[in-house]
């Protein structure tokens, strides 16, 4: 079945707008907390939003697969797969910080086609689909314009950095040090979806998953938004561990890639 991307995008944006209202309403009372491990947990709001999104997507696209962070997958073998992160930045959200987002992406055979990132606190919505450009609330995103790596602000994600194998840690630490020396500023938001959107808007100039363990649900929508805003994106092989996702403004891409591959 061929999808109508503009209609599908409008449908998803409305879904996320309704869930953002729930997130704002429950901000001061997130309910019970379920710990996945010592560092990761989910709130009742995560579960409520994910279940709401799954139910709506199942009704609209009954043959599509759906995968979220908190609940079992639906139709895992389908070519079309929806990836849901109901609250990216749960720790921020539970602490009543404004730095969190709701992220939904559509993939076809593993390739992201459409992405929406809703930021409940600021009431902003970033969105894109393949070939359609990237937008923030109706305004086309310009993408980063930085032309020198020494002027760049780079966001570095470091999931699972506390339990990396020895060879992974050695590579991770060496590249982190080199980045701090080569760029203007290093940031670590711990929020892949919003980091990608800020790169597409020009607020950031580069993004690196420096351990390779950012969850697909966190970054899939952002990959579409970055790509449609003209950001260069690739997975970089490292000597140990999984490939690392890197993205940057076109003029500094090769320098960033050389740092990670050297």
Protein backbone atom coordinates (compact mmCIF):
# COMPACT_ATOMS: atom_id res chain seq x y z
CA UNK A 1 0.00 0.00 0.00
CA UNK A 2 1.37 3.39 -1.02
CA UNK A 3 1.16 5.93 1.77
CA UNK A 4 -0.03 9.50 1.39
CA UNK A 5 2.76 11.19 3.32
CA UNK A 6 1.10 14.61 3.87
CA UNK A 7 -2.09 12.99 5.22
CA UNK A 8 -0.13 10.52 7.34
CA UNK A 9 1.98 13.34 8.73
CA UNK A 10 -1.10 15.41 9.60
CA UNK A 11 -2.62 12.41 11.37
CA UNK A 12 0.53 11.78 13.45
CA UNK A 13 0.92 15.43 14.34
CA UNK A 14 -2.63 15.51 15.74
CA UNK A 15 -1.93 12.34 17.72
CA UNK A 16 1.18 13.79 19.28
CA UNK A 17 -0.50 17.10 20.04
CA UNK A 18 -3.12 15.26 22.11
CA UNK A 19 -0.45 13.25 23.93
CA UNK A 20 1.52 16.42 24.65
CA UNK A 21 -1.52 17.76 26.45
CA UNK A 22 -1.53 14.65 28.64
CA UNK A 23 2.20 15.04 29.37
CA UNK A 24 1.73 18.66 30.41
CA UNK A 25 -1.33 17.84 32.53
CA UNK A 26 0.51 15.05 34.37
CA UNK A 27 3.82 16.91 34.66
CA UNK A 28 3.60 17.38 38.44
CA UNK A 29 2.12 13.93 39.08
CA UNK A 30 3.79 11.27 36.93
CA UNK A 31 2.34 8.41 38.99
CA UNK A 32 4.26 5.28 39.88
CA UNK A 33 7.76 4.67 38.53
CA UNK A 34 8.95 1.32 37.14
CA UNK A 35 12.72 0.81 37.21
CA UNK A 36 14.27 -1.05 34.28
CA UNK A 37 17.70 -0.89 35.94
CA UNK A 38 19.53 1.40 38.34
CA UNK A 39 19.71 4.19 35.77
CA UNK A 40 16.61 3.80 33.61
CA UNK A 41 12.93 3.95 34.49
CA UNK A 42 9.47 4.64 33.08
CA UNK A 43 6.54 6.52 34.57
CA UNK A 44 2.80 5.88 34.31
CA UNK A 45 2.70 8.70 31.77
CA UNK A 46 5.20 6.90 29.49
CA UNK A 47 2.93 3.84 29.49
CA UNK A 48 -0.27 5.84 29.00
CA UNK A 49 1.09 7.80 26.04
CA UNK A 50 2.64 4.75 24.38
CA UNK A 51 -0.60 2.76 24.70
CA UNK A 52 -2.61 5.67 23.32
CA UNK A 53 -0.31 6.02 20.32
CA UNK A 54 -0.26 2.27 19.65
CA UNK A 55 -4.04 2.03 19.76
CA UNK A 56 -4.51 4.92 17.30
CA UNK A 57 -1.82 3.68 14.92
CA UNK A 58 -3.24 0.13 15.00
CA UNK A 59 -6.68 1.41 14.02
CA UNK A 60 -5.33 3.54 11.18
CA UNK A 61 -2.65 1.11 9.94
CA UNK A 62 -3.71 -2.41 11.03
CA UNK A 63 -1.06 -4.17 8.92
CA UNK A 64 1.87 -2.06 10.08
CA UNK A 65 4.26 -3.03 12.83
CA UNK A 66 4.60 -0.92 15.96
CA UNK A 67 7.46 -0.89 18.42
CA UNK A 68 7.66 1.19 21.57
CA UNK A 69 10.00 1.43 24.52
CA UNK A 70 7.64 0.16 27.20
CA UNK A 71 5.23 -2.41 25.66
CA UNK A 72 5.38 -5.53 23.43
CA UNK A 73 5.82 -5.08 19.68
CA UNK A 74 2.92 -5.41 17.23
CA UNK A 75 3.40 -7.15 13.82
CA UNK A 76 7.20 -7.29 14.22
CA UNK A 77 7.68 -8.81 10.75
CA UNK A 78 5.86 -6.10 8.79
CA UNK A 79 7.79 -4.01 6.23
CA UNK A 80 6.35 -0.78 7.65
CA UNK A 81 7.27 -0.21 11.28
CA UNK A 82 6.29 2.62 13.62
CA UNK A 83 8.82 3.44 16.35
CA UNK A 84 7.50 5.23 19.43
CA UNK A 85 9.33 6.96 22.26
CA UNK A 86 6.49 8.19 24.48
CA UNK A 87 8.77 10.34 26.65
CA UNK A 88 12.32 10.84 25.47
CA UNK A 89 13.99 12.27 28.54
CA UNK A 90 11.93 10.54 31.24
CA UNK A 91 14.41 11.53 33.95
CA UNK A 92 14.03 15.18 33.00
CA UNK A 93 10.26 14.85 32.84
CA UNK A 94 9.94 13.17 36.24
CA UNK A 95 12.10 15.92 37.74
CA UNK A 96 9.75 18.57 36.28
CA UNK A 97 12.37 19.81 33.84
CA UNK A 98 11.17 21.03 30.44
CA UNK A 99 13.75 19.02 28.50
CA UNK A 100 11.68 16.11 27.15
CA UNK A 101 9.92 15.15 23.93
CA UNK A 102 7.51 12.68 22.32
CA UNK A 103 8.89 11.01 19.21
CA UNK A 104 7.25 8.88 16.50
CA UNK A 105 8.85 7.62 13.28
CA UNK A 106 7.74 5.44 10.37
CA UNK A 107 10.30 3.11 8.79
CA UNK A 108 10.06 0.95 5.67
CA UNK A 109 12.40 -2.04 5.71
CA UNK A 110 14.52 -0.26 8.29
CA UNK A 111 14.76 3.07 6.46
CA UNK A 112 13.14 6.07 8.24
CA UNK A 113 10.54 7.73 6.02
CA UNK A 114 8.63 10.06 8.32
CA UNK A 115 9.27 11.57 11.73
CA UNK A 116 7.52 13.82 14.23
CA UNK A 117 9.02 15.16 17.45
CA UNK A 118 6.64 17.02 19.75
CA UNK A 119 8.12 19.15 22.56
CA UNK A 120 5.29 19.50 25.09
CA UNK A 121 6.85 22.17 27.31
CA UNK A 122 7.54 24.63 24.48
CA UNK A 123 4.54 23.44 22.40
CA UNK A 124 6.81 23.05 19.40
CA UNK A 125 6.48 20.36 16.75
CA UNK A 126 9.33 19.31 14.45
CA UNK A 127 8.42 17.09 11.51
CA UNK A 128 9.52 15.78 8.13
CA UNK A 129 8.94 13.07 5.57
CA UNK A 130 11.22 11.83 2.81
CA UNK A 131 11.42 14.36 0.00
CA UNK A 132 9.12 16.84 1.73
CA UNK A 133 11.53 19.02 3.68
CA UNK A 134 11.83 19.50 7.44
CA UNK A 135 9.69 21.95 9.41
CA UNK A 136 9.11 23.48 12.82
CA UNK A 137 5.49 24.57 13.25
CA UNK A 138 5.11 25.31 9.54
CA UNK A 139 8.47 27.06 9.08
CA UNK A 140 11.08 25.30 6.97
CA UNK A 141 14.14 24.30 8.99
CA UNK A 142 17.35 25.85 7.64
CA UNK A 143 19.82 23.25 8.87
CA UNK A 144 23.17 24.14 10.49
CA UNK A 145 25.35 26.64 8.65
CA UNK A 146 28.61 26.45 10.59
CA UNK A 147 31.59 26.30 8.23
CA UNK A 148 34.44 25.61 10.70
CA UNK A 149 34.67 22.76 13.19
CA UNK A 150 36.37 25.09 15.68
CA UNK A 151 33.13 27.12 15.80
CA UNK A 152 30.81 24.13 16.15
CA UNK A 153 28.60 23.18 19.08
CA UNK A 154 28.42 19.38 19.17
CA UNK A 155 25.99 17.26 21.14
CA UNK A 156 27.44 13.95 22.31
CA UNK A 157 25.19 11.12 23.48
CA UNK A 158 26.85 8.55 25.76
CA UNK A 159 24.37 5.79 26.66
CA UNK A 160 25.78 2.83 28.61
CA UNK A 161 29.10 4.61 29.04
CA UNK A 162 29.24 3.24 32.60
CA UNK A 163 29.55 -0.39 31.48
CA UNK A 164 31.48 -0.32 28.21
CA UNK A 165 33.96 -3.08 27.47
CA UNK A 166 37.62 -2.06 27.81
CA UNK A 167 38.27 -1.53 24.08
CA UNK A 168 35.01 0.38 23.65
CA UNK A 169 35.84 2.61 26.62
CA UNK A 170 39.32 3.35 25.30
CA UNK A 171 37.93 4.50 21.94
CA UNK A 172 35.06 6.43 23.55
CA UNK A 173 37.28 8.35 25.95
CA UNK A 174 39.89 9.20 23.32
CA UNK A 175 37.29 10.54 20.89
CA UNK A 176 35.48 12.50 23.60
CA UNK A 177 38.74 14.21 24.56
CA UNK A 178 39.59 14.95 20.94
CA UNK A 179 36.15 16.43 20.29
CA UNK A 180 36.44 18.74 23.29
CA UNK A 181 39.73 20.01 21.83
CA UNK A 182 38.51 20.42 18.26
CA UNK A 183 35.04 21.95 18.58
CA UNK A 184 33.86 25.16 20.23
CA UNK A 185 31.58 23.47 22.78
CA UNK A 186 30.48 19.93 23.65
CA UNK A 187 26.99 19.40 25.03
CA UNK A 188 25.34 16.21 26.30
CA UNK A 189 21.57 16.59 26.45
CA UNK A 190 20.82 12.89 26.82
CA UNK A 191 17.90 13.46 24.47
CA UNK A 192 18.52 12.12 20.97
CA UNK A 193 15.23 13.23 19.44
CA UNK A 194 15.54 16.86 20.47
CA UNK A 195 19.27 16.99 19.75
CA UNK A 196 18.54 15.97 16.17
CA UNK A 197 15.84 18.64 15.85
CA UNK A 198 18.15 21.32 17.23
CA UNK A 199 20.77 20.29 14.69
CA UNK A 200 18.18 20.64 11.93
CA UNK A 201 17.23 24.09 13.23
CA UNK A 202 20.83 25.30 13.51
CA UNK A 203 20.93 25.45 17.32
CA UNK A 204 23.54 22.66 17.22
CA UNK A 205 26.14 21.97 14.54
CA UNK A 206 26.95 18.29 15.09
CA UNK A 207 25.64 15.19 16.84
CA UNK A 208 27.47 11.97 17.75
CA UNK A 209 26.23 8.83 19.48
CA UNK A 210 29.68 8.22 20.92
CA UNK A 211 28.98 4.76 22.37
CA UNK A 212 26.66 3.40 19.67
CA UNK A 213 23.86 2.48 22.06
CA UNK A 214 21.26 5.19 21.47
CA UNK A 215 17.93 3.36 21.06
CA UNK A 216 16.38 3.41 17.57
CA UNK A 217 13.15 4.80 19.08
CA UNK A 218 15.10 7.82 20.36
CA UNK A 219 16.66 8.89 17.08
CA UNK A 220 14.61 7.48 14.16
CA UNK A 221 12.33 10.52 13.80
CA UNK A 222 15.32 12.81 14.22
CA UNK A 223 17.16 11.05 11.40
CA UNK A 224 14.40 11.99 8.94
CA UNK A 225 14.24 15.57 10.21
CA UNK A 226 18.02 16.02 10.02
CA UNK A 227 18.28 14.50 6.56
CA UNK A 228 15.49 16.66 5.16
CA UNK A 229 17.16 19.77 6.64
CA UNK A 230 20.35 19.03 4.70
CA UNK A 231 22.38 17.55 7.54
CA UNK A 232 25.00 14.95 6.62
CA UNK A 233 24.42 11.63 8.43
CA UNK A 234 26.25 8.31 8.52
CA UNK A 235 27.10 5.39 10.76
CA UNK A 236 30.82 5.24 11.55
CA UNK A 237 32.52 1.92 12.28
CA UNK A 238 34.68 1.84 15.41
CA UNK A 239 37.35 -0.71 16.39
CA UNK A 240 35.03 -2.17 19.04
CA UNK A 241 31.31 -2.07 19.69
CA UNK A 242 28.46 -1.07 17.37
CA UNK A 243 28.62 1.62 14.64
CA UNK A 244 28.26 5.18 15.88
CA UNK A 245 25.70 7.54 14.37
CA UNK A 246 27.23 10.90 13.45
CA UNK A 247 25.59 13.95 11.89
CA UNK A 248 26.88 17.42 11.10
CA UNK A 249 26.58 20.57 9.04
CA UNK A 250 27.82 19.84 5.49
CA UNK A 251 30.92 22.06 5.71
CA UNK A 252 32.27 20.38 8.86
CA UNK A 253 31.14 16.83 8.09
CA UNK A 254 34.43 15.56 6.68
CA UNK A 255 36.45 16.86 9.62
CA UNK A 256 34.09 15.26 12.11
CA UNK A 257 34.14 11.98 10.17
CA UNK A 258 37.95 12.03 10.08
CA UNK A 259 38.11 12.43 13.87
CA UNK A 260 35.88 9.42 14.43
CA UNK A 261 37.58 7.24 11.81
CA UNK A 262 41.20 8.07 12.62
